[in-house]
Protein backbone atom coordinates (compact mmCIF):
# COMPACT_ATOMS: atom_id res chain seq x y z
CA UNK A 1 14.70 -142.98 -106.34
CA UNK A 2 16.06 -143.13 -109.57
CA UNK A 3 14.72 -143.81 -112.36
CA UNK A 4 17.04 -145.01 -115.41
CA UNK A 5 15.56 -145.31 -118.68
CA UNK A 6 17.05 -146.04 -122.43
CA UNK A 7 17.45 -142.56 -124.24
CA UNK A 8 14.13 -142.08 -126.64
CA UNK A 9 14.36 -139.64 -129.71
CA UNK A 10 12.55 -137.16 -127.79
CA UNK A 11 15.52 -136.57 -125.25
CA UNK A 12 17.78 -135.40 -127.26
CA UNK A 13 17.00 -131.92 -127.06
CA UNK A 14 17.93 -132.19 -123.32
CA UNK A 15 20.76 -134.52 -123.61
CA UNK A 16 22.45 -132.19 -126.07
CA UNK A 17 21.77 -129.42 -123.89
CA UNK A 18 23.26 -131.26 -120.82
CA UNK A 19 26.02 -131.86 -123.62
CA UNK A 20 26.74 -127.88 -122.99
CA UNK A 21 26.44 -127.88 -119.66
CA UNK A 22 29.25 -130.30 -119.26
CA UNK A 23 31.30 -128.29 -121.51
CA UNK A 24 31.14 -125.47 -119.49
CA UNK A 25 31.56 -127.21 -116.62
CA UNK A 26 35.15 -128.45 -117.97
CA UNK A 27 35.89 -125.31 -119.21
CA UNK A 28 35.30 -125.68 -123.37
CA UNK A 29 31.87 -123.66 -123.29
CA UNK A 30 32.70 -123.33 -127.40
CA UNK A 31 34.10 -126.66 -127.76
CA UNK A 32 30.55 -128.40 -128.70
CA UNK A 33 29.90 -129.09 -132.74
CA UNK A 34 27.01 -131.35 -131.83
CA UNK A 35 23.92 -130.66 -132.89
CA UNK A 36 20.21 -131.98 -132.44
CA UNK A 37 19.66 -133.53 -135.70
CA UNK A 38 24.26 -135.27 -135.24
CA UNK A 39 22.90 -136.56 -132.22
CA UNK A 40 19.68 -138.22 -133.24
CA UNK A 41 21.38 -140.05 -136.36
CA UNK A 42 24.17 -141.07 -133.52
CA UNK A 43 21.74 -142.64 -131.19
CA UNK A 44 18.94 -143.17 -133.38
CA UNK A 45 20.11 -143.69 -136.58
CA UNK A 46 20.24 -147.07 -138.94
CA UNK A 47 23.60 -148.68 -137.22
CA UNK A 48 23.90 -146.90 -134.17
CA UNK A 49 27.22 -146.84 -132.67
CA UNK A 50 26.43 -145.10 -129.50
CA UNK A 51 24.20 -145.32 -126.80
CA UNK A 52 22.40 -142.94 -123.57
CA UNK A 53 20.26 -144.22 -120.37
CA UNK A 54 18.69 -140.75 -118.89
CA UNK A 55 17.64 -140.42 -115.56
CA UNK A 56 14.29 -139.11 -115.57
CA UNK A 57 13.32 -135.46 -113.45
CA UNK A 58 12.34 -136.29 -109.74
CA UNK A 59 9.16 -133.62 -110.22
CA UNK A 60 7.52 -135.85 -112.35
CA UNK A 61 7.31 -133.24 -115.18
CA UNK A 62 6.36 -135.01 -118.22
CA UNK A 63 9.74 -135.71 -120.26
CA UNK A 64 11.86 -133.83 -118.03
CA UNK A 65 14.99 -135.57 -117.21
CA UNK A 66 18.21 -134.72 -114.62
CA UNK A 67 20.98 -136.77 -116.27
CA UNK A 68 22.15 -138.60 -119.01
CA UNK A 69 24.99 -141.52 -119.59
CA UNK A 70 26.53 -142.23 -123.22
CA UNK A 71 28.41 -144.60 -124.04
CA UNK A 72 29.74 -147.27 -126.62
CA UNK A 73 31.40 -150.22 -127.29
CA UNK A 74 34.98 -151.02 -126.82
CA UNK A 75 36.98 -154.29 -127.44
CA UNK A 76 39.61 -155.72 -124.94
CA UNK A 77 42.10 -157.89 -126.97
CA UNK A 78 43.42 -159.52 -123.83
CA UNK A 79 39.90 -160.34 -122.59
CA UNK A 80 38.56 -161.05 -125.88
CA UNK A 81 35.34 -159.23 -125.15
CA UNK A 82 33.72 -156.22 -125.24
CA UNK A 83 33.71 -153.59 -122.41
CA UNK A 84 31.87 -150.42 -122.16
CA UNK A 85 32.91 -146.89 -122.56
CA UNK A 86 31.51 -144.46 -120.84
CA UNK A 87 31.88 -140.83 -122.47
CA UNK A 88 29.77 -138.72 -120.81
CA UNK A 89 27.59 -138.89 -117.39
CA UNK A 90 26.52 -135.74 -116.63
CA UNK A 91 23.63 -134.54 -113.81
CA UNK A 92 21.68 -131.14 -113.62
CA UNK A 93 23.71 -129.38 -110.16
CA UNK A 94 20.09 -128.99 -108.86
CA UNK A 95 19.59 -132.46 -108.95
CA UNK A 96 23.22 -133.98 -107.73
CA UNK A 97 23.15 -135.84 -104.86
CA UNK A 98 20.17 -138.07 -104.89
CA UNK A 99 21.86 -141.34 -106.13
CA UNK A 100 21.04 -140.43 -110.13
CA UNK A 101 24.56 -140.77 -111.07
CA UNK A 102 25.09 -144.04 -109.50
CA UNK A 103 21.93 -145.26 -110.91
CA UNK A 104 23.13 -144.28 -114.27
CA UNK A 105 26.77 -145.90 -113.40
CA UNK A 106 25.05 -149.13 -111.96
CA UNK A 107 22.83 -149.44 -114.83
CA UNK A 108 25.67 -149.42 -117.24
CA UNK A 109 27.48 -152.05 -114.84
CA UNK A 110 24.14 -154.16 -115.24
CA UNK A 111 24.76 -154.13 -118.91
CA UNK A 112 27.99 -154.93 -118.78
CA UNK A 113 27.50 -157.73 -116.34
CA UNK A 114 24.45 -159.37 -118.30
CA UNK A 115 26.08 -159.42 -121.73
CA UNK A 116 29.30 -160.85 -120.52
CA UNK A 117 31.26 -157.54 -121.10
CA UNK A 118 35.07 -157.08 -119.30
CA UNK A 119 34.73 -153.30 -118.21
CA UNK A 120 33.32 -150.13 -117.87
CA UNK A 121 35.69 -147.55 -117.96
CA UNK A 122 35.70 -143.99 -118.63
CA UNK A 123 38.05 -141.11 -118.27
CA UNK A 124 37.98 -137.94 -115.48
CA UNK A 125 39.96 -134.33 -115.65
CA UNK A 126 42.40 -134.60 -113.04
CA UNK A 127 41.25 -131.45 -111.91
CA UNK A 128 37.45 -132.51 -111.25
CA UNK A 129 38.11 -134.00 -107.83
CA UNK A 130 34.44 -133.76 -106.72
CA UNK A 131 34.08 -136.76 -109.71
CA UNK A 132 37.02 -138.35 -108.92
CA UNK A 133 36.09 -139.09 -105.36
CA UNK A 134 33.00 -140.22 -106.42
CA UNK A 135 33.90 -142.86 -108.57
CA UNK A 136 36.50 -144.18 -106.39
CA UNK A 137 33.37 -144.33 -103.69
CA UNK A 138 32.24 -146.91 -105.96
CA UNK A 139 35.37 -149.10 -106.30
CA UNK A 140 36.65 -147.96 -109.51
CA UNK A 141 40.34 -147.16 -109.50
CA UNK A 142 42.02 -145.14 -111.67
CA UNK A 143 44.38 -146.45 -114.83
CA UNK A 144 47.67 -145.70 -113.01
CA UNK A 145 50.71 -145.67 -115.47
CA UNK A 146 48.70 -145.05 -118.88
CA UNK A 147 47.76 -142.10 -120.73
CA UNK A 148 45.12 -140.58 -123.07
CA UNK A 149 46.34 -139.69 -126.23
CA UNK A 150 44.15 -138.28 -128.77
CA UNK A 151 45.03 -137.42 -132.80
CA UNK A 152 42.51 -134.98 -134.22
CA UNK A 153 42.14 -131.55 -136.18
CA UNK A 154 44.47 -130.44 -138.42
CA UNK A 155 47.23 -133.15 -137.09
CA UNK A 156 44.67 -136.09 -138.16
CA UNK A 157 43.91 -134.80 -141.10
CA UNK A 158 47.65 -133.98 -142.16
CA UNK A 159 48.58 -137.70 -141.00
CA UNK A 160 44.87 -139.14 -142.32
CA UNK A 161 45.83 -137.80 -145.87
CA UNK A 162 49.24 -138.28 -145.47
CA UNK A 163 50.27 -141.53 -148.06
CA UNK A 164 53.68 -142.65 -149.36
CA UNK A 165 54.91 -145.42 -151.76
CA UNK A 166 56.71 -146.83 -148.68
CA UNK A 167 52.78 -147.50 -147.24
CA UNK A 168 51.79 -149.06 -150.20
CA UNK A 169 54.51 -151.36 -150.26
CA UNK A 170 54.51 -152.25 -146.92
CA UNK A 171 50.91 -153.28 -148.02
CA UNK A 172 49.04 -151.08 -144.86
CA UNK A 173 44.95 -151.29 -144.57
CA UNK A 174 43.41 -148.40 -145.89
């Protein structure tokens, strides 16, 4: 049985460790820049904009967790309401197959239903067949015809810093 609960500040080191584990699994072992302090501020600061749920370890070890879901709100202009964007869903390899991932996703679905949100959505790497099969088994479907775009790093800096007279005349929001 999976026991899912809202993350608490003492979960931050375990969540950050699993974020690193997920990066290794996703073949980006050196990509994580997050720190315990940053994650703590994100989840438990004055005005949190991201949230986490954890699944407690079945061995009963105090404070031990076997997985987490980290999420934030998005908004659908078409639906006129929020949705949940699942940034990370991770269950330790030693704890997989026990229903923890399903329990974490069900918790997010329950939150969405209770709050009147329109959807729960997430991204999955094209090569991650086990996860894709798992998500399909829950009734989730891919968003065919959509591609994810990202502006980051030097391209973000260059574009974000660019300012021209034409932009100011056009009255673009700053």
